[in-house]
C-alpha atoms as a PDB file:
ATOM      1  CA  UNK A   1     -55.172  -7.476-100.553  1.00  0.00           C
ATOM      2  CA  UNK A   2     -55.127  -5.396 -97.319  1.00  0.00           C
ATOM      3  CA  UNK A   3     -58.216  -2.775 -99.126  1.00  0.00           C
ATOM      4  CA  UNK A   4     -60.513  -5.758 -98.897  1.00  0.00           C
ATOM      5  CA  UNK A   5     -59.091  -6.615 -95.542  1.00  0.00           C
ATOM      6  CA  UNK A   6     -59.993  -3.279 -94.528  1.00  0.00           C
ATOM      7  CA  UNK A   7     -63.814  -3.210 -95.303  1.00  0.00           C
ATOM      8  CA  UNK A   8     -64.502  -6.853 -94.390  1.00  0.00           C
ATOM      9  CA  UNK A   9     -62.811  -5.557 -91.084  1.00  0.00           C
ATOM     10  CA  UNK A  10     -64.996  -3.118 -90.451  1.00  0.00           C
ATOM     11  CA  UNK A  11     -67.902  -4.806 -91.741  1.00  0.00           C
ATOM     12  CA  UNK A  12     -67.450  -7.411 -89.132  1.00  0.00           C
ATOM     13  CA  UNK A  13     -66.841  -5.342 -86.300  1.00  0.00           C
ATOM     14  CA  UNK A  14     -69.992  -3.259 -87.519  1.00  0.00           C
ATOM     15  CA  UNK A  15     -68.099   0.143 -87.897  1.00  0.00           C
ATOM     16  CA  UNK A  16     -70.754   2.141 -89.231  1.00  0.00           C
ATOM     17  CA  UNK A  17     -68.637   4.254 -92.030  1.00  0.00           C
ATOM     18  CA  UNK A  18     -68.220   5.492 -95.311  1.00  0.00           C
ATOM     19  CA  UNK A  19     -65.379   5.321 -98.125  1.00  0.00           C
ATOM     20  CA  UNK A  20     -64.607   9.224 -99.005  1.00  0.00           C
ATOM     21  CA  UNK A  21     -61.769  10.471-101.222  1.00  0.00           C
ATOM     22  CA  UNK A  22     -60.106   9.547-104.089  1.00  0.00           C
ATOM     23  CA  UNK A  23     -60.603   5.727-103.474  1.00  0.00           C
ATOM     24  CA  UNK A  24     -64.637   6.760-103.456  1.00  0.00           C
ATOM     25  CA  UNK A  25     -63.652   8.562-106.976  1.00  0.00           C
ATOM     26  CA  UNK A  26     -62.143   5.346-108.426  1.00  0.00           C
ATOM     27  CA  UNK A  27     -65.289   2.994-107.800  1.00  0.00           C
ATOM     28  CA  UNK A  28     -67.860   5.852-109.036  1.00  0.00           C
ATOM     29  CA  UNK A  29     -65.877   5.229-112.451  1.00  0.00           C
ATOM     30  CA  UNK A  30     -63.016   7.875-112.352  1.00  0.00           C
ATOM     31  CA  UNK A  31     -59.535   6.606-113.470  1.00  0.00           C
ATOM     32  CA  UNK A  32     -57.978   7.963-110.404  1.00  0.00           C
ATOM     33  CA  UNK A  33     -54.666   6.292-109.011  1.00  0.00           C
ATOM     34  CA  UNK A  34     -54.245   6.337-104.692  1.00  0.00           C
ATOM     35  CA  UNK A  35     -53.398   4.303-102.059  1.00  0.00           C
ATOM     36  CA  UNK A  36     -54.332   6.042 -99.299  1.00  0.00           C
ATOM     37  CA  UNK A  37     -57.993   5.375 -98.221  1.00  0.00           C
ATOM     38  CA  UNK A  38     -60.178   7.855 -96.679  1.00  0.00           C
ATOM     39  CA  UNK A  39     -63.103   6.977 -94.517  1.00  0.00           C
ATOM     40  CA  UNK A  40     -65.791   9.179 -92.510  1.00  0.00           C
ATOM     41  CA  UNK A  41     -67.576   7.714 -89.155  1.00  0.00           C
ATOM     42  CA  UNK A  42     -70.521   8.177 -87.249  1.00  0.00           C
ATOM     43  CA  UNK A  43     -68.961   9.786 -84.234  1.00  0.00           C
ATOM     44  CA  UNK A  44     -70.303   8.224 -81.354  1.00  0.00           C
ATOM     45  CA  UNK A  45     -68.108   6.094 -78.642  1.00  0.00           C
ATOM     46  CA  UNK A  46     -69.274   2.803 -79.682  1.00  0.00           C
ATOM     47  CA  UNK A  47     -68.904   3.140 -83.085  1.00  0.00           C
ATOM     48  CA  UNK A  48     -65.127   4.215 -82.623  1.00  0.00           C
ATOM     49  CA  UNK A  49     -64.663   1.470 -80.367  1.00  0.00           C
ATOM     50  CA  UNK A  50     -65.645  -0.185 -83.299  1.00  0.00           C
ATOM     51  CA  UNK A  51     -63.455   1.535 -85.543  1.00  0.00           C
ATOM     52  CA  UNK A  52     -60.397   1.088 -82.705  1.00  0.00           C
ATOM     53  CA  UNK A  53     -61.264  -2.798 -82.825  1.00  0.00           C
ATOM     54  CA  UNK A  54     -60.494  -3.105 -86.282  1.00  0.00           C
ATOM     55  CA  UNK A  55     -57.405  -1.398 -86.813  1.00  0.00           C
ATOM     56  CA  UNK A  56     -56.172  -3.422 -83.664  1.00  0.00           C
ATOM     57  CA  UNK A  57     -57.172  -6.315 -86.324  1.00  0.00           C
ATOM     58  CA  UNK A  58     -55.326  -4.888 -88.772  1.00  0.00           C
ATOM     59  CA  UNK A  59     -52.388  -4.013 -86.629  1.00  0.00           C
ATOM     60  CA  UNK A  60     -52.776  -0.304 -87.936  1.00  0.00           C
ATOM     61  CA  UNK A  61     -51.715   2.497 -85.462  1.00  0.00           C
ATOM     62  CA  UNK A  62     -51.404   6.493 -85.194  1.00  0.00           C
ATOM     63  CA  UNK A  63     -49.034   7.996 -87.663  1.00  0.00           C
ATOM     64  CA  UNK A  64     -49.648  10.807 -84.842  1.00  0.00           C
ATOM     65  CA  UNK A  65     -47.332   9.979 -81.436  1.00  0.00           C
ATOM     66  CA  UNK A  66     -50.483   9.271 -79.893  1.00  0.00           C
ATOM     67  CA  UNK A  67     -51.901   5.716 -78.667  1.00  0.00           C
ATOM     68  CA  UNK A  68     -54.738   4.298 -80.618  1.00  0.00           C
ATOM     69  CA  UNK A  69     -57.483   4.915 -77.799  1.00  0.00           C
ATOM     70  CA  UNK A  70     -57.095   8.292 -78.492  1.00  0.00           C
ATOM     71  CA  UNK A  71     -59.283   7.663 -81.510  1.00  0.00           C
ATOM     72  CA  UNK A  72     -62.356   6.935 -78.768  1.00  0.00           C
ATOM     73  CA  UNK A  73     -62.095   9.747 -76.663  1.00  0.00           C
ATOM     74  CA  UNK A  74     -64.534  12.555 -78.661  1.00  0.00           C
ATOM     75  CA  UNK A  75     -63.532  15.514 -76.179  1.00  0.00           C
ATOM     76  CA  UNK A  76     -60.123  15.164 -77.471  1.00  0.00           C
ATOM     77  CA  UNK A  77     -60.422  14.731 -80.547  1.00  0.00           C
ATOM     78  CA  UNK A  78     -62.595  17.992 -80.777  1.00  0.00           C
ATOM     79  CA  UNK A  79     -59.976  19.110 -78.917  1.00  0.00           C
ATOM     80  CA  UNK A  80     -57.305  18.232 -80.988  1.00  0.00           C
ATOM     81  CA  UNK A  81     -59.971  19.635 -83.745  1.00  0.00           C
ATOM     82  CA  UNK A  82     -60.021  23.257 -82.162  1.00  0.00           C
ATOM     83  CA  UNK A  83     -56.626  23.432 -80.941  1.00  0.00           C
ATOM     84  CA  UNK A  84     -54.312  21.969 -83.638  1.00  0.00           C
ATOM     85  CA  UNK A  85     -56.822  21.785 -86.417  1.00  0.00           C
ATOM     86  CA  UNK A  86     -56.923  18.263 -86.980  1.00  0.00           C
ATOM     87  CA  UNK A  87     -59.008  17.093 -89.623  1.00  0.00           C
ATOM     88  CA  UNK A  88     -58.409  13.606 -89.887  1.00  0.00           C
ATOM     89  CA  UNK A  89     -57.037  10.750 -87.752  1.00  0.00           C
ATOM     90  CA  UNK A  90     -53.937   8.784 -89.831  1.00  0.00           C
ATOM     91  CA  UNK A  91     -53.639   4.591 -89.131  1.00  0.00           C
ATOM     92  CA  UNK A  92     -50.960   3.256 -91.268  1.00  0.00           C
ATOM     93  CA  UNK A  93     -50.516  -0.047 -91.310  1.00  0.00           C
ATOM     94  CA  UNK A  94     -47.156  -2.244 -90.584  1.00  0.00           C
ATOM     95  CA  UNK A  95     -47.004  -4.108 -94.160  1.00  0.00           C
ATOM     96  CA  UNK A  96     -47.637  -1.775 -97.066  1.00  0.00           C
ATOM     97  CA  UNK A  97     -45.220   1.925 -96.834  1.00  0.00           C
ATOM     98  CA  UNK A  98     -47.378   4.506 -98.015  1.00  0.00           C
ATOM     99  CA  UNK A  99     -50.082   3.052 -97.189  1.00  0.00           C
ATOM    100  CA  UNK A 100     -52.601   5.216 -94.956  1.00  0.00           C
ATOM    101  CA  UNK A 101     -56.412   5.227 -93.495  1.00  0.00           C
ATOM    102  CA  UNK A 102     -57.561   9.030 -92.844  1.00  0.00           C
ATOM    103  CA  UNK A 103     -60.554   8.560 -90.664  1.00  0.00           C
ATOM    104  CA  UNK A 104     -62.238  12.051 -91.460  1.00  0.00           C
ATOM    105  CA  UNK A 105     -63.674  12.903 -88.112  1.00  0.00           C
ATOM    106  CA  UNK A 106     -65.661  15.760 -88.451  1.00  0.00           C
ATOM    107  CA  UNK A 107     -67.057  16.044 -92.038  1.00  0.00           C
ATOM    108  CA  UNK A 108     -68.689  19.716 -93.161  1.00  0.00           C
ATOM    109  CA  UNK A 109     -71.881  17.346 -94.577  1.00  0.00           C
ATOM    110  CA  UNK A 110     -73.692  15.569 -91.897  1.00  0.00           C
ATOM    111  CA  UNK A 111     -72.156  11.788 -91.527  1.00  0.00           C
ATOM    112  CA  UNK A 112     -76.351  10.993 -90.780  1.00  0.00           C
ATOM    113  CA  UNK A 113     -77.329  12.186 -94.337  1.00  0.00           C
ATOM    114  CA  UNK A 114     -74.671  11.046 -96.329  1.00  0.00           C
ATOM    115  CA  UNK A 115     -74.902   7.913 -94.879  1.00  0.00           C
ATOM    116  CA  UNK A 116     -78.821   7.609 -96.246  1.00  0.00           C
ATOM    117  CA  UNK A 117     -77.442   8.625 -99.600  1.00  0.00           C
ATOM    118  CA  UNK A 118     -74.696   6.257 -99.681  1.00  0.00           C
ATOM    119  CA  UNK A 119     -74.338   3.163-101.811  1.00  0.00           C
ATOM    120  CA  UNK A 120     -72.888  -0.621-101.564  1.00  0.00           C
ATOM    121  CA  UNK A 121     -70.707  -1.145-103.705  1.00  0.00           C
ATOM    122  CA  UNK A 122     -69.240  -5.035-104.090  1.00  0.00           C
ATOM    123  CA  UNK A 123     -65.330  -5.939-104.329  1.00  0.00           C
ATOM    124  CA  UNK A 124     -64.471  -9.145-104.228  1.00  0.00           C
ATOM    125  CA  UNK A 125     -67.546  -9.842-102.248  1.00  0.00           C
ATOM    126  CA  UNK A 126     -66.794  -7.746-100.023  1.00  0.00           C
ATOM    127  CA  UNK A 127     -69.581  -4.610 -99.469  1.00  0.00           C
ATOM    128  CA  UNK A 128     -68.126  -1.023 -99.414  1.00  0.00           C
ATOM    129  CA  UNK A 129     -70.135   1.560 -98.257  1.00  0.00           C
ATOM    130  CA  UNK A 130     -69.517   4.351-100.387  1.00  0.00           C
ATOM    131  CA  UNK A 131     -70.149   8.021-100.138  1.00  0.00           C
ATOM    132  CA  UNK A 132     -72.613   9.210-102.635  1.00  0.00           C
ATOM    133  CA  UNK A 133     -71.274  10.768-105.986  1.00  0.00           C
ATOM    134  CA  UNK A 134     -73.233  13.990-105.042  1.00  0.00           C
ATOM    135  CA  UNK A 135     -71.629  13.744-101.357  1.00  0.00           C
ATOM    136  CA  UNK A 136     -68.424  13.217-102.704  1.00  0.00           C
ATOM    137  CA  UNK A 137     -68.532  16.370-104.569  1.00  0.00           C
ATOM    138  CA  UNK A 138     -69.436  18.600-102.007  1.00  0.00           C
ATOM    139  CA  UNK A 139     -66.924  17.453 -99.248  1.00  0.00           C
ATOM    140  CA  UNK A 140     -64.362  18.009-102.207  1.00  0.00           C
ATOM    141  CA  UNK A 141     -65.253  20.982-102.816  1.00  0.00           C
ATOM    142  CA  UNK A 142     -65.276  22.017 -98.834  1.00  0.00           C
ATOM    143  CA  UNK A 143     -61.739  21.031 -99.250  1.00  0.00           C
ATOM    144  CA  UNK A 144     -60.947  22.315-102.609  1.00  0.00           C
ATOM    145  CA  UNK A 145     -57.214  21.338-103.244  1.00  0.00           C
ATOM    146  CA  UNK A 146     -56.357  21.362-107.059  1.00  0.00           C
ATOM    147  CA  UNK A 147     -56.967  17.319-107.107  1.00  0.00           C
ATOM    148  CA  UNK A 148     -60.553  17.931-105.567  1.00  0.00           C
ATOM    149  CA  UNK A 149     -61.629  20.066-108.260  1.00  0.00           C
ATOM    150  CA  UNK A 150     -60.283  18.099-111.064  1.00  0.00           C
ATOM    151  CA  UNK A 151     -61.664  15.087-108.954  1.00  0.00           C
ATOM    152  CA  UNK A 152     -65.126  17.442-109.312  1.00  0.00           C
ATOM    153  CA  UNK A 153     -64.955  17.785-113.231  1.00  0.00           C
ATOM    154  CA  UNK A 154     -64.962  13.948-113.398  1.00  0.00           C
ATOM    155  CA  UNK A 155     -67.352  13.114-110.896  1.00  0.00           C
ATOM    156  CA  UNK A 156     -69.795  15.677-112.560  1.00  0.00           C
ATOM    157  CA  UNK A 157     -69.255  14.178-115.592  1.00  0.00           C
ATOM    158  CA  UNK A 158     -69.773  10.811-114.964  1.00  0.00           C
ATOM    159  CA  UNK A 159     -72.987  12.150-113.423  1.00  0.00           C
ATOM    160  CA  UNK A 160     -74.346  13.205-116.514  1.00  0.00           C
ATOM    161  CA  UNK A 161     -74.007  10.244-118.051  1.00  0.00           C
END
């Protein structure tokens, strides 16, 4: 299964990542259908190099017409963010149409803080680093799309339980 393979590869390559987005919402207990995997990573060259190696192992390729190694160039990513408003670097798998891995490059919540509050959930004997409910709510508030507002309501309800 692609999702388990992805998280296994991230672990093997020692990528410092957090699962965010719809799949994280689902793992926290909200019934939510999504095909995409949204992650954020520690933005340093060593970690980005590890992410690139995991992506190569899984045969992931950028959705944008740029080389995969662009993901390892922090200066270029900052430039794209400033000039092109690039928030996420999307990768697609050749095997599953419509499935993308979206790497949120510069999250509105500090990565180190989120990592310290993250939960480790096991799926098919694979550990997945999942952002906490509070941080997931903060991320979703920053985006504010209708689906995010709905997710926030559900997450707040789960948090109260």
